[in-house]
Amino acid sequence: MRRREFIALAGGAAATWPLAARAQQPAQMRRVGVLESAGIETDQQAGVAVFKEVLRQLGWIEGRNVRLEVRWSGADPAKARKNAEELVALQTDVIKVTGALLQTTRSVPIVFNSIADPVGSGYIDSLARPGGNVTGFVLFDYALTAKWMELLNQIAPTVTRVAVLRDPALTVGVGQFAVIQYVAPSVGMEVSAISMRDPREIEQDIAKFASSPNGGLILTASSLSVVHRDLVVGLAAKHKLPAVYYRRYFVTGGGLMSYGSEIEEQFRGAAQYVNRILKGEKPADLPVQAPTKYELVINRKTAQALGLTVPPSLLARADDVID
């Protein structure tokens, strides 16, 4: 072989070595944190399963090119804070959270789902332009709150008094109550507020409210509503109070009716945003989105126990009827 041909051949082969070596190396392992808090764990487990499946469909295979660090906190704020700090310390590329604790880090990208009022809570600048390291999917828009009053009026037309259970320490609690107050006269109802704080006070306030006839309840969104889920549902049954809730798990737990965002849609959206961030987009450039799909769930067994007949038109609109 001539010297010139040998050099050309050797040089060409050498040029291909790095490419071949790179092709044989495994894909870069990315790390995604998943923090679940302030919710019903069985529902969140279903949501996380959807989240993982969507990531897989988008090419993120657990153990191959992505490692998922999942932490469960329940309704324990101290545990949620510890888990959040741990996920930040693990140098995750992005963290998907259900619940709050969005201020644990200002550098790691965060995608949230099921947050009621991220602007009022100070997590983002605006829905259209989040402006920092946080973006995601809100639990509902405030227009939904008016729907709860309408549904309560349809399923229990004799109700003229409504107690609104809320956390007054949250901006979303104040905002939801304001909307309900505004809508109440149009459906012929009077409203009053019950604070979601001490269980004993909740029990006393609901008992006092129920001592007069034609009462009903609306439970607004907060972490305390999840903590006191069984208490509120039990008191509504005990005092024969028709009640409307904001998530399906209150109805599967014995509540009368819920109207709220579909949990799986929130997790699907979160997976899409995590994918975009892993591919280089910034949370500040991804607008916070409101739900596009809401579900109506009715517990017909609870309705019968309350002496209510669910109108056929309402049953026809329901996404799920529990018997």
Protein backbone atom coordinates (compact mmCIF):
# COMPACT_ATOMS: atom_id res chain seq x y z
CA MET A 1 0.00 0.00 0.00
CA ARG A 2 1.35 3.44 -0.91
CA ARG A 3 2.23 5.72 1.99
CA ARG A 4 -0.25 8.42 0.92
CA GLU A 5 -3.13 5.91 0.70
CA PHE A 6 -2.24 4.46 4.10
CA ILE A 7 -2.29 7.89 5.76
CA ALA A 8 -5.66 8.72 4.16
CA LEU A 9 -7.13 5.39 5.24
CA ALA A 10 -5.78 5.67 8.77
CA GLY A 11 -6.92 9.28 9.08
CA GLY A 12 -10.42 8.43 7.87
CA ALA A 13 -10.73 5.54 10.31
CA ALA A 14 -9.48 7.70 13.18
CA ALA A 15 -12.08 10.33 12.35
CA THR A 16 -14.84 7.75 12.70
CA TRP A 17 -13.61 6.35 16.05
CA PRO A 18 -15.07 9.12 18.26
CA LEU A 19 -18.41 8.89 16.45
CA ALA A 20 -18.56 5.14 16.91
CA ALA A 21 -17.54 5.42 20.54
CA ARG A 22 -20.21 8.02 21.18
CA ALA A 23 -22.83 5.87 19.47
CA GLN A 24 -22.01 2.95 21.75
CA GLN A 25 -22.17 4.98 24.95
CA PRO A 26 -25.49 4.97 26.88
CA ALA A 27 -27.80 7.98 26.64
CA GLN A 28 -27.34 10.70 29.25
CA MET A 29 -29.25 9.81 32.41
CA ARG A 30 -31.58 12.63 33.47
CA ARG A 31 -33.07 12.84 36.94
CA VAL A 32 -36.70 13.85 37.53
CA GLY A 33 -38.10 14.40 41.00
CA VAL A 34 -41.75 13.66 41.76
CA LEU A 35 -43.14 15.10 44.99
CA GLU A 36 -46.68 14.14 45.97
CA SER A 37 -48.27 15.90 48.92
CA ALA A 38 -51.58 17.29 50.19
CA GLY A 39 -53.75 14.75 48.39
CA ILE A 40 -55.33 11.33 48.56
CA GLU A 41 -52.50 8.87 47.88
CA THR A 42 -54.56 6.35 45.90
CA ASP A 43 -55.55 9.10 43.44
CA GLN A 44 -52.02 10.39 43.26
CA GLN A 45 -50.67 6.90 42.61
CA ALA A 46 -52.97 6.68 39.59
CA GLY A 47 -51.79 10.10 38.48
CA VAL A 48 -48.13 9.21 38.84
CA ALA A 49 -48.72 6.07 36.76
CA VAL A 50 -50.18 8.26 33.99
CA PHE A 51 -47.24 10.68 34.35
CA LYS A 52 -44.74 7.84 33.90
CA GLU A 53 -46.59 6.40 30.93
CA VAL A 54 -46.70 9.74 29.10
CA LEU A 55 -42.98 10.24 29.71
CA ARG A 56 -42.36 6.76 28.30
CA GLN A 57 -44.39 7.60 25.19
CA LEU A 58 -42.25 10.72 24.79
CA GLY A 59 -39.08 8.63 24.83
CA TRP A 60 -38.07 8.89 28.49
CA ILE A 61 -37.50 5.31 29.60
CA GLU A 62 -37.00 4.80 33.32
CA GLY A 63 -33.60 3.20 33.97
CA ARG A 64 -32.36 3.93 30.46
CA ASN A 65 -32.29 7.70 30.04
CA VAL A 66 -34.26 8.96 33.04
CA ARG A 67 -34.28 8.19 36.75
CA LEU A 68 -37.47 9.06 38.63
CA GLU A 69 -37.14 9.99 42.29
CA VAL A 70 -40.66 9.68 43.74
CA ARG A 71 -41.47 10.93 47.23
CA TRP A 72 -44.82 10.61 49.04
CA SER A 73 -45.65 13.12 51.76
CA GLY A 74 -49.39 12.77 52.32
CA ALA A 75 -50.75 15.76 54.22
CA ASP A 76 -47.70 16.11 56.48
CA PRO A 77 -46.13 19.56 55.79
CA ALA A 78 -42.90 18.71 57.62
CA LYS A 79 -42.43 15.52 55.60
CA ALA A 80 -43.23 17.34 52.36
CA ARG A 81 -40.63 20.01 53.15
CA LYS A 82 -38.02 17.38 53.95
CA ASN A 83 -38.78 15.50 50.73
CA ALA A 84 -38.60 18.70 48.69
CA GLU A 85 -35.19 19.58 50.15
CA GLU A 86 -33.97 16.05 49.46
CA LEU A 87 -35.02 16.22 45.81
CA VAL A 88 -33.22 19.54 45.40
CA ALA A 89 -30.08 18.08 47.02
CA LEU A 90 -30.15 15.19 44.53
CA GLN A 91 -29.52 17.76 41.77
CA THR A 92 -32.62 16.80 39.83
CA ASP A 93 -33.06 18.31 36.38
CA VAL A 94 -36.72 19.10 37.06
CA ILE A 95 -39.22 18.41 39.85
CA LYS A 96 -42.92 17.64 39.31
CA VAL A 97 -44.97 18.53 42.39
CA THR A 98 -48.56 18.02 43.49
CA GLY A 99 -49.22 20.50 46.26
CA ALA A 100 -47.25 23.51 47.38
CA LEU A 101 -43.65 23.96 48.60
CA LEU A 102 -42.74 25.59 45.31
CA GLN A 103 -40.38 28.03 47.05
CA THR A 104 -37.92 25.35 48.19
CA THR A 105 -35.63 26.25 45.27
CA ARG A 106 -35.27 29.17 42.88
CA SER A 107 -32.94 27.33 40.49
CA VAL A 108 -34.31 23.83 39.82
CA PRO A 109 -37.17 23.89 37.28
CA ILE A 110 -40.52 22.95 38.86
CA VAL A 111 -43.72 21.80 37.17
CA PHE A 112 -46.77 21.76 39.43
CA ASN A 113 -50.24 20.35 39.09
CA SER A 114 -53.33 20.85 41.27
CA ILE A 115 -52.33 24.27 42.65
CA ALA A 116 -55.41 26.44 43.11
CA ASP A 117 -53.99 29.98 42.97
CA PRO A 118 -50.27 30.14 42.11
CA VAL A 119 -50.37 33.89 41.38
CA GLY A 120 -52.13 34.85 44.61
CA SER A 121 -49.82 32.52 46.55
CA GLY A 122 -46.76 34.29 45.12
CA TYR A 123 -45.33 31.31 43.23
CA ILE A 124 -45.46 32.95 39.78
CA ASP A 125 -45.83 36.45 38.33
CA SER A 126 -48.75 35.66 36.03
CA LEU A 127 -50.37 32.70 34.29
CA ALA A 128 -49.19 33.83 30.84
CA ARG A 129 -45.65 34.68 31.97
CA PRO A 130 -44.66 32.72 35.08
CA GLY A 131 -41.36 34.59 35.20
CA GLY A 132 -39.19 32.20 37.22
CA ASN A 133 -38.38 28.53 37.65
CA VAL A 134 -42.00 27.45 38.22
CA THR A 135 -44.84 26.62 35.83
CA GLY A 136 -47.63 24.06 35.58
CA PHE A 137 -51.35 23.42 35.72
CA VAL A 138 -53.88 25.07 38.04
CA LEU A 139 -56.59 23.10 39.81
CA PHE A 140 -59.42 25.23 38.36
CA ASP A 141 -60.33 28.75 37.39
CA TYR A 142 -62.57 30.79 39.68
CA ALA A 143 -65.52 30.53 37.29
CA LEU A 144 -65.80 26.90 38.41
CA THR A 145 -66.76 28.05 41.90
CA ALA A 146 -70.05 29.44 40.62
CA LYS A 147 -70.84 26.03 39.14
CA TRP A 148 -70.83 24.43 42.58
CA MET A 149 -73.73 26.66 43.64
CA GLU A 150 -75.70 25.81 40.51
CA LEU A 151 -75.18 22.07 40.99
CA LEU A 152 -76.21 22.21 44.65
CA ASN A 153 -79.38 24.04 43.63
CA GLN A 154 -80.16 21.41 40.98
CA ILE A 155 -79.67 18.34 43.17
CA ALA A 156 -81.23 19.87 46.31
CA PRO A 157 -83.64 22.66 45.27
CA THR A 158 -84.96 23.09 48.83
CA VAL A 159 -81.56 24.31 50.05
CA THR A 160 -81.63 28.03 50.81
CA ARG A 161 -78.67 28.27 53.19
CA VAL A 162 -75.11 27.25 52.31
CA ALA A 163 -72.10 26.93 54.61
CA VAL A 164 -68.85 27.34 52.69
CA LEU A 165 -65.93 25.50 54.27
CA ARG A 166 -62.70 27.30 53.49
CA ASP A 167 -59.18 28.03 54.71
CA PRO A 168 -59.23 31.81 55.33
CA ALA A 169 -55.43 31.89 55.47
CA LEU A 170 -55.25 31.11 51.74
CA THR A 171 -55.93 33.62 48.99
CA VAL A 172 -57.81 30.92 47.11
CA GLY A 173 -60.08 30.40 50.13
CA VAL A 174 -60.97 34.07 50.17
CA GLY A 175 -61.39 34.17 46.39
CA GLN A 176 -63.67 31.13 46.19
CA PHE A 177 -65.88 32.44 48.98
CA ALA A 178 -66.16 35.82 47.24
CA VAL A 179 -67.37 34.18 44.01
CA ILE A 180 -69.91 32.05 45.90
CA GLN A 181 -71.21 35.14 47.71
CA TYR A 182 -71.63 36.91 44.38
CA VAL A 183 -73.52 34.03 42.77
CA ALA A 184 -75.71 33.12 45.78
CA PRO A 185 -78.56 35.65 45.22
CA SER A 186 -79.09 34.41 41.64
CA VAL A 187 -79.99 30.94 42.97
CA GLY A 188 -81.89 32.21 46.01
CA MET A 189 -79.34 31.18 48.63
CA GLU A 190 -77.68 32.78 51.65
CA VAL A 191 -74.07 31.90 52.42
CA SER A 192 -71.91 31.83 55.51
CA ALA A 193 -68.32 30.74 56.08
CA ILE A 194 -66.85 27.97 58.23
CA SER A 195 -63.09 27.98 58.76
CA MET A 196 -61.16 24.77 58.07
CA ARG A 197 -58.85 24.78 61.06
CA ASP A 198 -59.47 22.90 64.26
CA PRO A 199 -61.51 19.66 63.87
CA ARG A 200 -63.51 20.35 67.02
CA GLU A 201 -64.45 23.82 65.79
CA ILE A 202 -65.45 22.40 62.40
CA GLU A 203 -67.71 19.89 64.11
CA GLN A 204 -69.28 22.53 66.34
CA ASP A 205 -69.79 25.04 63.51
CA ILE A 206 -71.42 22.48 61.20
CA ALA A 207 -73.68 21.24 64.01
CA LYS A 208 -74.75 24.81 64.75
CA PHE A 209 -75.38 25.50 61.07
CA ALA A 210 -77.41 22.29 60.70
CA SER A 211 -79.70 23.20 63.60
CA SER A 212 -81.72 25.32 61.16
CA PRO A 213 -83.45 23.73 58.14
CA ASN A 214 -82.73 23.83 54.41
CA GLY A 215 -78.95 23.85 54.72
CA GLY A 216 -76.22 22.61 52.40
CA LEU A 217 -72.42 22.61 52.24
CA ILE A 218 -69.73 23.54 49.73
CA LEU A 219 -66.15 22.45 50.43
CA THR A 220 -63.54 24.67 48.76
CA ALA A 221 -60.03 23.63 47.78
CA SER A 222 -57.23 23.57 50.34
CA SER A 223 -54.81 21.11 51.90
CA LEU A 224 -56.90 21.24 55.09
CA SER A 225 -59.92 20.01 53.16
CA VAL A 226 -57.95 16.85 52.37
CA VAL A 227 -56.76 16.48 55.95
CA HIS A 228 -60.37 16.74 57.21
CA ARG A 229 -62.00 14.84 54.34
CA ASP A 230 -63.47 12.01 56.42
CA LEU A 231 -64.63 14.43 59.12
CA VAL A 232 -66.49 16.71 56.68
CA VAL A 233 -68.05 13.88 54.68
CA GLY A 234 -69.12 12.19 57.92
CA LEU A 235 -70.65 15.38 59.34
CA ALA A 236 -72.55 16.05 56.10
CA ALA A 237 -74.08 12.57 56.36
CA LYS A 238 -74.78 12.87 60.09
CA HIS A 239 -76.62 16.19 59.74
CA LYS A 240 -78.30 15.33 56.43
CA LEU A 241 -76.62 18.19 54.58
CA PRO A 242 -76.31 17.96 50.78
CA ALA A 243 -72.73 18.88 49.89
CA VAL A 244 -70.71 19.66 46.78
CA TYR A 245 -66.96 18.99 46.67
CA TYR A 246 -64.17 19.95 44.28
CA ARG A 247 -62.60 16.52 43.67
CA ARG A 248 -63.85 13.02 42.97
CA TYR A 249 -62.15 11.40 45.99
CA PHE A 250 -64.62 13.10 48.33
CA VAL A 251 -67.47 11.38 46.49
CA THR A 252 -65.79 7.98 46.40
CA GLY A 253 -65.40 8.48 50.15
CA GLY A 254 -69.15 8.92 50.62
CA GLY A 255 -69.74 12.54 49.60
CA LEU A 256 -72.76 13.52 47.50
CA MET A 257 -71.34 15.26 44.44
CA SER A 258 -68.14 16.71 43.04
CA TYR A 259 -67.30 18.89 40.08
CA GLY A 260 -63.66 19.56 39.33
CA SER A 261 -60.70 18.99 37.07
CA GLU A 262 -59.81 15.51 35.93
CA ILE A 263 -56.70 14.46 37.84
CA GLU A 264 -55.22 12.42 34.99
CA GLU A 265 -55.33 15.41 32.64
CA GLN A 266 -53.21 17.38 35.12
CA PHE A 267 -50.57 14.64 35.28
CA ARG A 268 -50.55 14.23 31.49
CA GLY A 269 -49.94 17.95 31.07
CA ALA A 270 -47.20 17.91 33.71
CA ALA A 271 -45.41 15.11 31.84
CA GLN A 272 -45.55 17.14 28.62
CA TYR A 273 -44.00 20.15 30.36
CA VAL A 274 -41.30 18.03 32.02
CA ASN A 275 -40.41 16.66 28.58
CA ARG A 276 -40.10 20.16 27.14
CA ILE A 277 -37.91 21.33 30.01
CA LEU A 278 -35.63 18.29 29.70
CA LYS A 279 -35.23 19.23 26.04
CA GLY A 280 -34.11 22.74 26.89
CA GLU A 281 -37.16 24.98 27.35
CA LYS A 282 -37.45 27.17 30.43
CA PRO A 283 -40.38 27.23 32.88
CA ALA A 284 -40.57 31.01 32.54
CA ASP A 285 -41.51 30.56 28.87
CA LEU A 286 -44.21 27.94 29.47
CA PRO A 287 -47.56 29.52 30.40
CA VAL A 288 -49.50 28.12 33.33
CA GLN A 289 -52.60 26.36 32.01
CA ALA A 290 -56.11 25.97 33.37
CA PRO A 291 -57.96 22.66 33.00
CA THR A 292 -59.81 22.02 29.76
CA LYS A 293 -61.74 19.04 31.12
CA TYR A 294 -63.94 18.89 34.20
CA GLU A 295 -65.80 15.89 35.55
CA LEU A 296 -69.09 15.61 37.40
CA VAL A 297 -69.30 12.69 39.84
CA ILE A 298 -72.49 11.79 41.75
CA ASN A 299 -72.93 9.29 44.57
CA ARG A 300 -76.50 8.06 44.08
CA LYS A 301 -76.35 5.96 47.25
CA THR A 302 -75.57 9.10 49.29
CA ALA A 303 -78.36 10.97 47.52
CA GLN A 304 -80.84 8.28 48.54
CA ALA A 305 -79.63 8.42 52.16
CA LEU A 306 -80.28 12.18 52.12
CA GLY A 307 -83.75 11.65 50.67
CA LEU A 308 -82.81 13.25 47.36
CA THR A 309 -83.84 12.18 43.88
CA VAL A 310 -81.15 13.03 41.37
CA PRO A 311 -82.76 14.71 38.32
CA PRO A 312 -82.39 12.62 35.13
CA SER A 313 -80.84 15.61 33.37
CA LEU A 314 -78.08 15.72 36.01
CA LEU A 315 -77.49 11.98 35.79
CA ALA A 316 -77.18 12.26 32.03
CA ARG A 317 -74.45 14.90 32.40
CA ALA A 318 -72.50 12.96 35.03
CA ASP A 319 -69.14 11.48 34.05
CA ASP A 320 -69.48 8.87 36.78
CA VAL A 321 -72.36 7.71 38.99
CA ILE A 322 -71.53 5.73 42.10
CA ASP A 323 -74.19 3.29 43.26
